[in-house]
Amino acid sequence: MSTPEVEMRSTPRPVAVRGNTLEGYGAVYNSRSRDLGGFQEVMSASFFNKSQGDGYPDCVCNLEHRPEQLLGTTRARTLEFRSDATGLFYTVILPDTSAGRDTRALVDRGDIIGSSVAFNTYQDDWQLESGVTVRHLVSGRLLAVSPTASPAYSATSASLRSLAIQVDGDPEEILALARQGQLPKLVQRTDNRGPAPTPLEVAQRSIDPELDRRMRSNFHRAMDANRDARLDLYRRRDANSHRQETMELEERMMLNQRRSMQWDAPAESPLWSGAPAPR
């Protein structure tokens, strides 16, 4: 089985620097792209499920996807991802290097205005929707994210090669059909699965049992870690409470002891001054 090609997609969603951290959306879910040359594209919310279940291994963040402009990695935990209803959100701790300082300056000046992601596609779904050929990105693997000054959402030839494989056609012929706007006929003829799948159907279809097991395992480990943290907090709280009660008890005992000593001492009076009484 051949290795999937690396594809890149961008989003003009703004990035921001907060303290020493850069953050933004690398991809947006369930939103049609502009025309990419005879078809449009939609990234399903399930697309990065496998990467999420694996903990986004070996992902990197480079300025403009340049390896020499490294900003962070998931391996070093200087790069983190969060998938929400909007898309794939990332945060990267900017290093005190020329790449980190350049990134901060370019964001502050407004030169960097979006982000881009690099990925492999494992499963896609071509559909005809209201006369428009739409490629649904169903599942894949995240490779990298990058702040960029040119967030052009342009498709690569890998998209059409994927369609060529599905219809058993020649990639060059598929590319020619795309340029002529003839892809709807091709998809209509070969696709008998009805309307495009809903986001829920796509998500359910893309999660295999092994991925589901890993995601559940990660969830339970997180719950166990939270439970252990809470138990440790309760133990420390009880220990502190016990120490506080012990200190209060010791203070009361010392106070009572001082009071007892004062009570036992003879009171001073004109008849007693500490000297023997005259005979």
Protein backbone atom coordinates (compact mmCIF):
# COMPACT_ATOMS: atom_id res chain seq x y z
CA MET A 1 0.00 0.00 0.00
CA SER A 2 1.50 3.34 -1.06
CA THR A 3 2.08 6.09 1.46
CA PRO A 4 -0.53 8.88 1.24
CA GLU A 5 0.75 12.11 -0.23
CA VAL A 6 1.27 15.18 1.93
CA GLU A 7 -1.45 17.77 1.39
CA MET A 8 -1.68 21.30 2.75
CA ARG A 9 -4.70 23.45 3.44
CA SER A 10 -4.88 26.96 4.89
CA THR A 11 -7.37 29.08 6.76
CA PRO A 12 -7.43 32.89 7.03
CA ARG A 13 -8.57 32.64 10.64
CA PRO A 14 -6.42 35.18 12.54
CA VAL A 15 -3.61 34.13 14.86
CA ALA A 16 -2.68 35.93 18.05
CA VAL A 17 0.29 36.18 20.40
CA ARG A 18 -0.54 36.08 24.10
CA GLY A 19 2.51 36.40 26.31
CA ASN A 20 5.03 34.00 24.82
CA THR A 21 2.37 31.81 23.17
CA LEU A 22 1.05 31.87 19.62
CA GLU A 23 -2.44 30.48 19.06
CA GLY A 24 -4.97 30.11 16.28
CA TYR A 25 -7.05 27.70 14.18
CA GLY A 26 -5.06 25.57 11.77
CA ALA A 27 -8.20 24.18 10.12
CA VAL A 28 -11.95 24.83 10.16
CA TYR A 29 -14.50 22.01 10.09
CA ASN A 30 -17.69 21.58 8.07
CA SER A 31 -17.12 24.70 5.96
CA ARG A 32 -16.94 24.63 2.19
CA SER A 33 -13.81 25.96 0.61
CA ARG A 34 -13.83 28.23 -2.40
CA ASP A 35 -13.62 26.63 -5.84
CA LEU A 36 -10.40 24.64 -6.05
CA GLY A 37 -10.46 24.05 -9.77
CA GLY A 38 -13.69 22.22 -10.55
CA PHE A 39 -14.60 21.12 -7.02
CA GLN A 40 -14.91 22.34 -3.44
CA GLU A 41 -13.75 20.73 -0.23
CA VAL A 42 -15.09 20.22 3.29
CA MET A 43 -13.01 18.99 6.21
CA SER A 44 -15.14 16.83 8.48
CA ALA A 45 -14.90 17.20 12.25
CA SER A 46 -13.74 13.58 12.36
CA PHE A 47 -10.74 14.16 10.12
CA PHE A 48 -8.08 14.31 12.84
CA ASN A 49 -9.70 11.76 15.17
CA LYS A 50 -6.89 9.24 14.70
CA SER A 51 -4.21 11.84 15.39
CA GLN A 52 -6.13 12.96 18.45
CA GLY A 53 -6.43 9.39 19.71
CA ASP A 54 -2.70 8.89 19.22
CA GLY A 55 -1.86 12.13 21.03
CA TYR A 56 -0.81 14.02 17.86
CA PRO A 57 2.58 12.24 17.70
CA ASP A 58 5.60 13.91 16.08
CA CYS A 59 3.68 16.98 14.92
CA VAL A 60 5.70 20.14 14.39
CA CYS A 61 5.06 23.85 14.02
CA ASN A 62 7.31 25.76 11.63
CA LEU A 63 7.06 29.30 10.34
CA GLU A 64 5.71 29.07 6.77
CA HIS A 65 6.34 25.28 6.87
CA ARG A 66 10.09 25.84 6.71
CA PRO A 67 11.97 23.14 8.70
CA GLU A 68 14.76 25.58 9.57
CA GLN A 69 12.17 27.91 11.18
CA LEU A 70 11.08 25.54 13.98
CA LEU A 71 8.69 26.95 16.58
CA GLY A 72 7.57 23.90 18.58
CA THR A 73 6.84 20.17 18.65
CA THR A 74 4.33 17.91 20.35
CA ARG A 75 7.21 15.67 21.40
CA ALA A 76 8.66 18.46 23.57
CA ARG A 77 5.15 19.58 24.62
CA THR A 78 5.79 23.05 23.24
CA LEU A 79 3.00 22.48 20.71
CA GLU A 80 -0.53 21.47 21.69
CA PHE A 81 -3.76 20.90 19.76
CA ARG A 82 -7.42 21.04 20.75
CA SER A 83 -10.26 19.98 18.47
CA ASP A 84 -13.55 21.79 19.10
CA ALA A 85 -16.77 22.51 17.24
CA THR A 86 -15.07 25.17 15.10
CA GLY A 87 -11.92 23.36 14.05
CA LEU A 88 -8.40 22.38 15.04
CA PHE A 89 -7.02 24.91 17.52
CA TYR A 90 -3.30 25.01 18.28
CA THR A 91 -1.01 26.78 20.73
CA VAL A 92 2.76 26.92 20.49
CA ILE A 93 5.25 28.34 22.98
CA LEU A 94 7.44 30.66 20.94
CA PRO A 95 11.16 29.98 21.42
CA ASP A 96 13.73 32.70 22.10
CA THR A 97 15.25 32.17 18.66
CA SER A 98 15.29 34.17 15.45
CA ALA A 99 12.28 32.14 14.23
CA GLY A 100 10.34 32.84 17.43
CA ARG A 101 11.19 36.55 17.45
CA ASP A 102 10.41 36.88 13.73
CA THR A 103 7.03 35.19 14.22
CA ARG A 104 6.10 37.50 17.08
CA ALA A 105 7.11 40.59 15.10
CA LEU A 106 5.26 39.48 11.95
CA VAL A 107 2.07 38.73 13.91
CA ASP A 108 2.26 42.06 15.74
CA ARG A 109 2.67 43.90 12.43
CA GLY A 110 -0.22 42.01 10.82
CA ASP A 111 1.91 40.26 8.19
CA ILE A 112 1.01 36.77 9.42
CA ILE A 113 -2.76 36.54 9.10
CA GLY A 114 -3.59 32.84 9.09
CA SER A 115 -2.42 29.27 9.48
CA SER A 116 -1.85 26.17 7.40
CA VAL A 117 -1.87 22.44 8.16
CA ALA A 118 -0.04 19.58 6.47
CA PHE A 119 -1.62 16.13 6.52
CA ASN A 120 -2.11 12.75 4.87
CA THR A 121 -5.60 11.77 3.74
CA TYR A 122 -6.68 8.22 4.57
CA GLN A 123 -10.32 8.47 3.50
CA ASP A 124 -12.27 10.99 1.47
CA ASP A 125 -15.76 11.02 0.02
CA TRP A 126 -16.70 12.66 -3.31
CA GLN A 127 -20.30 13.81 -3.58
CA LEU A 128 -22.45 15.88 -5.91
CA GLU A 129 -24.30 18.53 -3.90
CA SER A 130 -26.63 20.94 -5.72
CA GLY A 131 -24.62 20.51 -8.89
CA VAL A 132 -21.29 21.13 -7.15
CA THR A 133 -18.63 18.45 -6.79
CA VAL A 134 -17.58 18.34 -3.14
CA ARG A 135 -14.74 16.37 -1.65
CA HIS A 136 -15.35 15.47 2.01
CA LEU A 137 -12.13 14.87 3.93
CA VAL A 138 -13.21 12.06 6.26
CA SER A 139 -10.09 10.81 8.04
CA GLY A 140 -6.39 11.51 7.92
CA ARG A 141 -3.23 12.15 9.87
CA LEU A 142 -1.99 15.54 11.04
CA LEU A 143 1.68 16.24 10.29
CA ALA A 144 2.32 19.92 10.90
CA VAL A 145 0.82 23.35 11.46
CA SER A 146 2.26 26.68 10.45
CA PRO A 147 1.46 30.37 10.86
CA THR A 148 1.54 31.89 7.40
CA ALA A 149 1.33 35.21 5.62
CA SER A 150 -0.40 33.63 2.60
CA PRO A 151 -3.35 31.50 3.75
CA ALA A 152 -4.48 30.61 0.23
CA TYR A 153 -6.81 27.61 0.34
CA SER A 154 -5.41 25.87 -2.72
CA ALA A 155 -5.80 22.18 -3.52
CA THR A 156 -2.95 19.97 -4.63
CA SER A 157 -2.98 17.37 -7.37
CA ALA A 158 -3.29 14.77 -4.58
CA SER A 159 -6.99 15.63 -4.29
CA LEU A 160 -7.74 14.71 -7.89
CA ARG A 161 -5.46 11.67 -7.76
CA SER A 162 -7.65 10.42 -4.94
CA LEU A 163 -10.71 10.76 -7.17
CA ALA A 164 -8.87 9.05 -10.04
CA ILE A 165 -8.21 6.04 -7.81
CA GLN A 166 -11.87 5.86 -6.76
CA VAL A 167 -13.17 5.91 -10.36
CA ASP A 168 -10.22 3.92 -11.76
CA GLY A 169 -9.32 6.74 -14.12
CA ASP A 170 -6.18 8.40 -15.37
CA PRO A 171 -5.07 11.31 -13.13
CA GLU A 172 -4.27 13.52 -16.12
CA GLU A 173 -7.71 12.91 -17.60
CA ILE A 174 -9.33 13.70 -14.24
CA LEU A 175 -7.33 16.94 -14.06
CA ALA A 176 -8.48 17.85 -17.57
CA LEU A 177 -12.10 17.17 -16.65
CA ALA A 178 -11.71 19.38 -13.56
CA ARG A 179 -10.40 22.24 -15.68
CA GLN A 180 -13.39 21.84 -18.01
CA GLY A 181 -15.85 21.78 -15.12
CA GLN A 182 -16.91 18.22 -15.97
CA LEU A 183 -16.37 16.58 -12.57
CA PRO A 184 -20.08 16.65 -11.62
CA LYS A 185 -20.85 14.19 -14.43
CA LEU A 186 -18.10 11.89 -13.27
CA VAL A 187 -19.17 11.93 -9.64
CA GLN A 188 -22.85 11.63 -10.52
CA ARG A 189 -22.16 8.58 -12.65
CA THR A 190 -20.03 6.74 -10.10
CA ASP A 191 -21.63 7.80 -6.82
CA ASN A 192 -24.83 5.93 -5.97
CA ARG A 193 -24.76 6.54 -2.23
CA GLY A 194 -27.25 9.37 -2.16
CA PRO A 195 -26.69 12.76 -0.51
CA ALA A 196 -23.53 13.72 1.32
CA PRO A 197 -23.15 12.18 4.77
CA THR A 198 -23.99 14.24 7.81
CA PRO A 199 -21.09 15.20 10.13
CA LEU A 200 -22.28 12.58 12.63
CA GLU A 201 -22.38 9.85 9.98
CA VAL A 202 -18.92 10.81 8.79
CA ALA A 203 -17.56 10.76 12.33
CA GLN A 204 -19.10 7.36 13.07
CA ARG A 205 -17.80 5.94 9.81
CA SER A 206 -14.25 7.14 10.41
CA ILE A 207 -13.76 5.80 13.94
CA ASP A 208 -12.48 2.25 13.87
CA PRO A 209 -12.72 -0.01 16.96
CA GLU A 210 -9.01 0.29 17.75
CA LEU A 211 -9.14 4.09 17.61
CA ASP A 212 -12.25 4.11 19.77
CA ARG A 213 -10.49 1.87 22.29
CA ARG A 214 -7.47 4.17 22.45
CA MET A 215 -9.62 7.27 22.85
CA ARG A 216 -11.61 5.64 25.66
CA SER A 217 -8.36 4.47 27.28
CA ASN A 218 -6.94 7.98 27.16
CA PHE A 219 -10.16 9.35 28.62
CA HIS A 220 -10.10 6.88 31.50
CA ARG A 221 -6.42 7.59 32.19
CA ALA A 222 -7.23 11.29 32.38
CA MET A 223 -10.12 10.55 34.75
CA ASP A 224 -7.86 8.37 36.93
CA ALA A 225 -5.24 11.12 37.02
CA ASN A 226 -7.87 13.65 38.06
CA ARG A 227 -9.16 11.27 40.73
CA ASP A 228 -5.63 10.69 42.08
CA ALA A 229 -5.03 14.44 42.13
CA ARG A 230 -8.26 14.99 44.05
CA LEU A 231 -7.40 12.24 46.55
CA ASP A 232 -3.97 13.74 47.08
CA LEU A 233 -5.56 17.15 47.60
CA TYR A 234 -7.97 15.69 50.18
CA ARG A 235 -5.08 13.96 52.00
CA ARG A 236 -3.05 17.14 52.13
CA ARG A 237 -6.07 19.12 53.26
CA ASP A 238 -6.78 16.62 56.06
CA ALA A 239 -3.11 16.63 57.09
CA ASN A 240 -3.07 20.42 57.21
CA SER A 241 -6.29 20.42 59.20
CA HIS A 242 -4.83 17.91 61.67
CA ARG A 243 -1.65 19.99 62.07
CA GLN A 244 -3.73 23.09 62.64
CA GLU A 245 -5.83 21.36 65.29
CA THR A 246 -2.65 20.06 67.00
CA MET A 247 -1.12 23.55 67.08
CA GLU A 248 -4.32 25.02 68.52
CA LEU A 249 -4.43 22.30 71.19
CA GLU A 250 -0.80 22.92 72.16
CA GLU A 251 -1.44 26.66 72.39
CA ARG A 252 -4.44 26.08 74.67
CA MET A 253 -2.41 23.71 76.88
CA MET A 254 0.43 26.25 77.21
CA LEU A 255 -2.05 29.00 78.02
CA ASN A 256 -3.71 26.84 80.68
CA GLN A 257 -0.29 25.99 82.13
CA ARG A 258 0.65 29.67 82.42
CA ARG A 259 -2.67 30.44 84.06
CA SER A 260 -2.17 27.60 86.55
CA MET A 261 1.29 28.90 87.49
CA GLN A 262 -0.09 32.38 88.05
CA TRP A 263 -2.87 30.97 90.25
CA ASP A 264 -0.45 29.02 92.47
CA ALA A 265 1.91 31.98 93.08
CA PRO A 266 1.22 34.00 96.37
CA ALA A 267 -0.27 37.35 95.67
CA GLU A 268 1.78 40.44 96.55
CA SER A 269 0.45 42.50 99.47
CA PRO A 270 1.83 44.96 102.05
CA LEU A 271 2.19 42.00 104.43
CA TRP A 272 4.31 39.97 102.03
CA SER A 273 7.14 41.39 100.05
CA GLY A 274 9.32 38.37 99.70
CA ALA A 275 11.32 39.19 102.91
CA PRO A 276 10.89 37.50 106.32
CA ALA A 277 8.27 39.10 108.50
CA PRO A 278 9.66 41.03 111.51
CA ARG A 279 9.49 39.33 114.92
